[in-house]
Amino acid sequence: MSYNVFILTFITILLAELGDKTQIITFLCSTQTKKHFFTFISSTLALASSTLISMFLGGILRYCIPIDIINILGGLIFIFIGLFSLRREKVEDGIKKLLSPLSIFMLIFISEIGDKTQIALITLMLKYYNFWEIFCGATLGFILINGLAVIISRKTADKISTKRINIISSLIFIGIGIVMLIYY
């Protein structure tokens, strides 16, 4: 097992999801229900499912794109994701009403389509092609970030500045992209 790929994936997922709409959805749903465990499980399963789809797509694209282009595109994609995340839209209040485990799963799964996390996972799969390391790193990242969202929602629902969290994670994402370009 390549621990470097595992750790890189884990950190990438933490940064990509920190303050992201899916973490906010998990947070909001958890503030509106006493079924925190179901919120946690539903959101984590939705993210793990979207991870498998992203990795499959990345595995296929790996055979179509030369490795030098993958390395350059990977760095540029991370920078783009960071810049794009700085312009993130606010989450609608209507999602607070979607409280069943299945509706939370569907809401998060659908909101992940084309999300920066999926793009990051496709990029990691293209570059490293280590299925288990990427899947395990991503899943552990999702477990941690969703667990934090649920726990924090119960303790400080009215005190968190998601805007500040988003700015910090976006800047770190841009930094990862720059490092990828420098060391490709």
Protein backbone atom coordinates (compact mmCIF):
# COMPACT_ATOMS: atom_id res chain seq x y z
CA MET A 1 0.00 0.00 0.00
CA SER A 2 1.28 3.45 -0.91
CA TYR A 3 0.76 5.54 2.21
CA ASN A 4 1.71 8.72 0.35
CA VAL A 5 -1.26 8.32 -2.01
CA PHE A 6 -3.53 7.38 0.90
CA ILE A 7 -2.48 10.45 2.92
CA LEU A 8 -2.67 12.77 -0.11
CA THR A 9 -6.19 11.54 -0.89
CA PHE A 10 -7.26 11.84 2.75
CA ILE A 11 -5.98 15.43 3.01
CA THR A 12 -7.42 16.35 -0.40
CA ILE A 13 -10.87 15.11 0.63
CA LEU A 14 -10.71 16.92 3.96
CA LEU A 15 -9.81 20.18 2.25
CA ALA A 16 -12.25 19.73 -0.62
CA GLU A 17 -15.16 18.94 1.69
CA LEU A 18 -14.35 21.45 4.44
CA GLY A 19 -17.07 24.05 4.10
CA ASP A 20 -18.35 22.40 0.91
CA LYS A 21 -22.05 22.18 0.12
CA THR A 22 -22.23 18.49 1.04
CA GLN A 23 -20.72 19.15 4.46
CA ILE A 24 -23.13 22.03 4.91
CA ILE A 25 -26.04 19.81 3.84
CA THR A 26 -24.95 17.18 6.37
CA PHE A 27 -24.58 19.89 9.00
CA LEU A 28 -28.00 21.42 8.27
CA CYS A 29 -29.80 18.09 8.16
CA SER A 30 -28.20 17.11 11.45
CA THR A 31 -29.34 20.34 13.10
CA GLN A 32 -32.93 19.56 12.13
CA THR A 33 -33.20 15.95 13.33
CA LYS A 34 -32.41 13.82 16.35
CA LYS A 35 -31.35 10.96 14.06
CA HIS A 36 -27.73 12.06 13.80
CA PHE A 37 -26.40 8.56 13.18
CA PHE A 38 -28.66 8.15 10.13
CA THR A 39 -27.59 11.55 8.82
CA PHE A 40 -23.94 10.54 9.22
CA ILE A 41 -24.39 7.11 7.58
CA SER A 42 -26.53 8.44 4.71
CA SER A 43 -24.12 11.22 3.83
CA THR A 44 -21.04 8.99 4.11
CA LEU A 45 -22.57 6.26 1.93
CA ALA A 46 -23.58 8.83 -0.68
CA LEU A 47 -20.05 10.23 -0.81
CA ALA A 48 -18.48 6.75 -0.94
CA SER A 49 -20.80 5.84 -3.83
CA SER A 50 -19.85 8.95 -5.77
CA THR A 51 -16.19 8.15 -5.04
CA LEU A 52 -16.51 4.79 -6.79
CA ILE A 53 -18.00 6.46 -9.86
CA SER A 54 -15.22 9.08 -9.95
CA MET A 55 -12.52 6.45 -9.59
CA PHE A 56 -14.01 4.32 -12.35
CA LEU A 57 -14.07 7.35 -14.66
CA GLY A 58 -10.49 8.26 -13.71
CA GLY A 59 -9.35 4.70 -14.37
CA ILE A 60 -10.82 4.75 -17.86
CA LEU A 61 -9.45 8.21 -18.74
CA ARG A 62 -5.96 7.16 -17.62
CA TYR A 63 -5.63 5.07 -20.77
CA CYS A 64 -6.67 7.96 -23.02
CA ILE A 65 -4.42 10.78 -21.78
CA PRO A 66 -0.57 10.86 -21.69
CA ILE A 67 0.96 11.02 -18.17
CA ASP A 68 2.68 14.41 -18.70
CA ILE A 69 -0.61 16.00 -19.66
CA ILE A 70 -2.28 14.31 -16.66
CA ASN A 71 0.31 15.84 -14.31
CA ILE A 72 -0.09 19.35 -15.72
CA LEU A 73 -3.88 19.12 -15.89
CA GLY A 74 -3.96 17.75 -12.34
CA GLY A 75 -2.19 20.81 -10.95
CA LEU A 76 -4.31 23.19 -13.01
CA ILE A 77 -7.51 21.42 -11.96
CA PHE A 78 -6.63 21.75 -8.27
CA ILE A 79 -5.91 25.47 -8.75
CA PHE A 80 -9.19 25.90 -10.66
CA ILE A 81 -11.12 24.07 -7.95
CA GLY A 82 -9.61 26.37 -5.31
CA LEU A 83 -10.44 29.51 -7.30
CA PHE A 84 -13.94 28.26 -8.12
CA SER A 85 -14.56 27.37 -4.48
CA LEU A 86 -13.90 30.95 -3.47
CA ARG A 87 -17.07 31.84 -5.39
CA ARG A 88 -19.22 29.12 -3.79
CA GLU A 89 -22.94 29.78 -3.58
CA LYS A 90 -24.87 29.66 -0.33
CA VAL A 91 -26.83 26.53 0.48
CA GLU A 92 -30.58 26.95 0.25
CA ASP A 93 -32.62 26.79 3.43
CA GLY A 94 -35.01 24.33 1.79
CA ILE A 95 -32.66 21.42 2.31
CA LYS A 96 -33.34 21.49 6.03
CA LYS A 97 -36.65 19.76 5.31
CA LEU A 98 -35.05 16.67 3.73
CA LEU A 99 -34.54 14.52 6.77
CA SER A 100 -35.08 10.85 5.89
CA PRO A 101 -31.93 8.73 5.44
CA LEU A 102 -32.83 8.02 1.79
CA SER A 103 -33.53 11.68 0.98
CA ILE A 104 -30.27 12.75 2.65
CA PHE A 105 -28.40 10.09 0.64
CA MET A 106 -29.99 11.23 -2.63
CA LEU A 107 -29.48 14.92 -1.87
CA ILE A 108 -25.78 14.47 -1.17
CA PHE A 109 -25.21 11.97 -3.99
CA ILE A 110 -26.82 14.28 -6.55
CA SER A 111 -25.05 17.37 -5.19
CA GLU A 112 -21.69 15.59 -5.65
CA ILE A 113 -22.19 15.18 -9.41
CA GLY A 114 -19.49 17.33 -11.00
CA ASP A 115 -18.36 18.59 -7.59
CA LYS A 116 -14.76 19.51 -6.87
CA THR A 117 -14.38 16.34 -4.79
CA GLN A 118 -15.26 14.16 -7.76
CA ILE A 119 -12.92 16.12 -10.00
CA ALA A 120 -10.14 15.79 -7.42
CA LEU A 121 -10.71 12.02 -7.15
CA ILE A 122 -10.69 11.61 -10.92
CA THR A 123 -7.42 13.57 -11.01
CA LEU A 124 -5.86 11.44 -8.25
CA MET A 125 -6.95 8.24 -9.98
CA LEU A 126 -5.51 9.48 -13.28
CA LYS A 127 -2.19 10.35 -11.70
CA TYR A 128 -1.65 7.46 -9.27
CA TYR A 129 -4.07 4.68 -10.31
CA ASN A 130 -4.02 3.15 -6.81
CA PHE A 131 -7.62 2.05 -6.28
CA TRP A 132 -7.51 0.93 -2.65
CA GLU A 133 -5.30 3.75 -1.41
CA ILE A 134 -7.47 6.39 -3.05
CA PHE A 135 -10.76 4.77 -2.05
CA CYS A 136 -9.67 4.20 1.56
CA GLY A 137 -8.17 7.70 1.89
CA ALA A 138 -11.31 9.27 0.44
CA THR A 139 -13.68 7.19 2.55
CA LEU A 140 -11.76 7.94 5.75
CA GLY A 141 -11.79 11.63 4.82
CA PHE A 142 -15.56 11.51 4.27
CA ILE A 143 -16.09 9.67 7.57
CA LEU A 144 -14.09 12.29 9.46
CA ILE A 145 -15.61 15.33 7.74
CA ASN A 146 -19.19 14.02 8.05
CA GLY A 147 -18.61 13.03 11.66
CA LEU A 148 -17.34 16.53 12.40
CA ALA A 149 -20.32 18.09 10.62
CA VAL A 150 -22.76 16.07 12.71
CA ILE A 151 -20.94 16.66 16.01
CA ILE A 152 -20.41 20.37 15.42
CA SER A 153 -24.01 20.85 14.28
CA ARG A 154 -25.22 19.80 17.70
CA LYS A 155 -22.82 22.01 19.64
CA THR A 156 -22.34 25.24 17.69
CA ALA A 157 -24.95 25.45 14.94
CA ASP A 158 -25.26 29.23 15.18
CA LYS A 159 -21.57 30.09 15.71
CA ILE A 160 -19.75 28.66 12.65
CA SER A 161 -18.55 30.86 9.82
CA THR A 162 -18.62 28.56 6.79
CA LYS A 163 -17.41 31.45 4.65
CA ARG A 164 -14.12 31.63 6.53
CA ILE A 165 -13.66 27.84 6.43
CA ASN A 166 -14.32 27.87 2.69
CA ILE A 167 -11.73 30.60 2.03
CA ILE A 168 -9.02 28.78 3.98
CA SER A 169 -9.71 25.41 2.32
CA SER A 170 -9.82 27.08 -1.12
CA LEU A 171 -6.41 28.69 -0.61
CA ILE A 172 -4.91 25.40 0.54
CA PHE A 173 -6.40 23.69 -2.52
CA ILE A 174 -4.74 26.29 -4.76
CA GLY A 175 -1.48 25.63 -2.92
CA ILE A 176 -1.73 21.88 -3.59
CA GLY A 177 -2.25 22.63 -7.29
CA ILE A 178 0.82 24.86 -7.40
CA VAL A 179 2.92 22.19 -5.67
CA MET A 180 1.65 19.59 -8.16
CA LEU A 181 2.72 21.83 -11.06
CA ILE A 182 6.14 22.52 -9.56
CA TYR A 183 6.93 18.85 -8.89
CA TYR A 184 5.27 17.22 -11.90
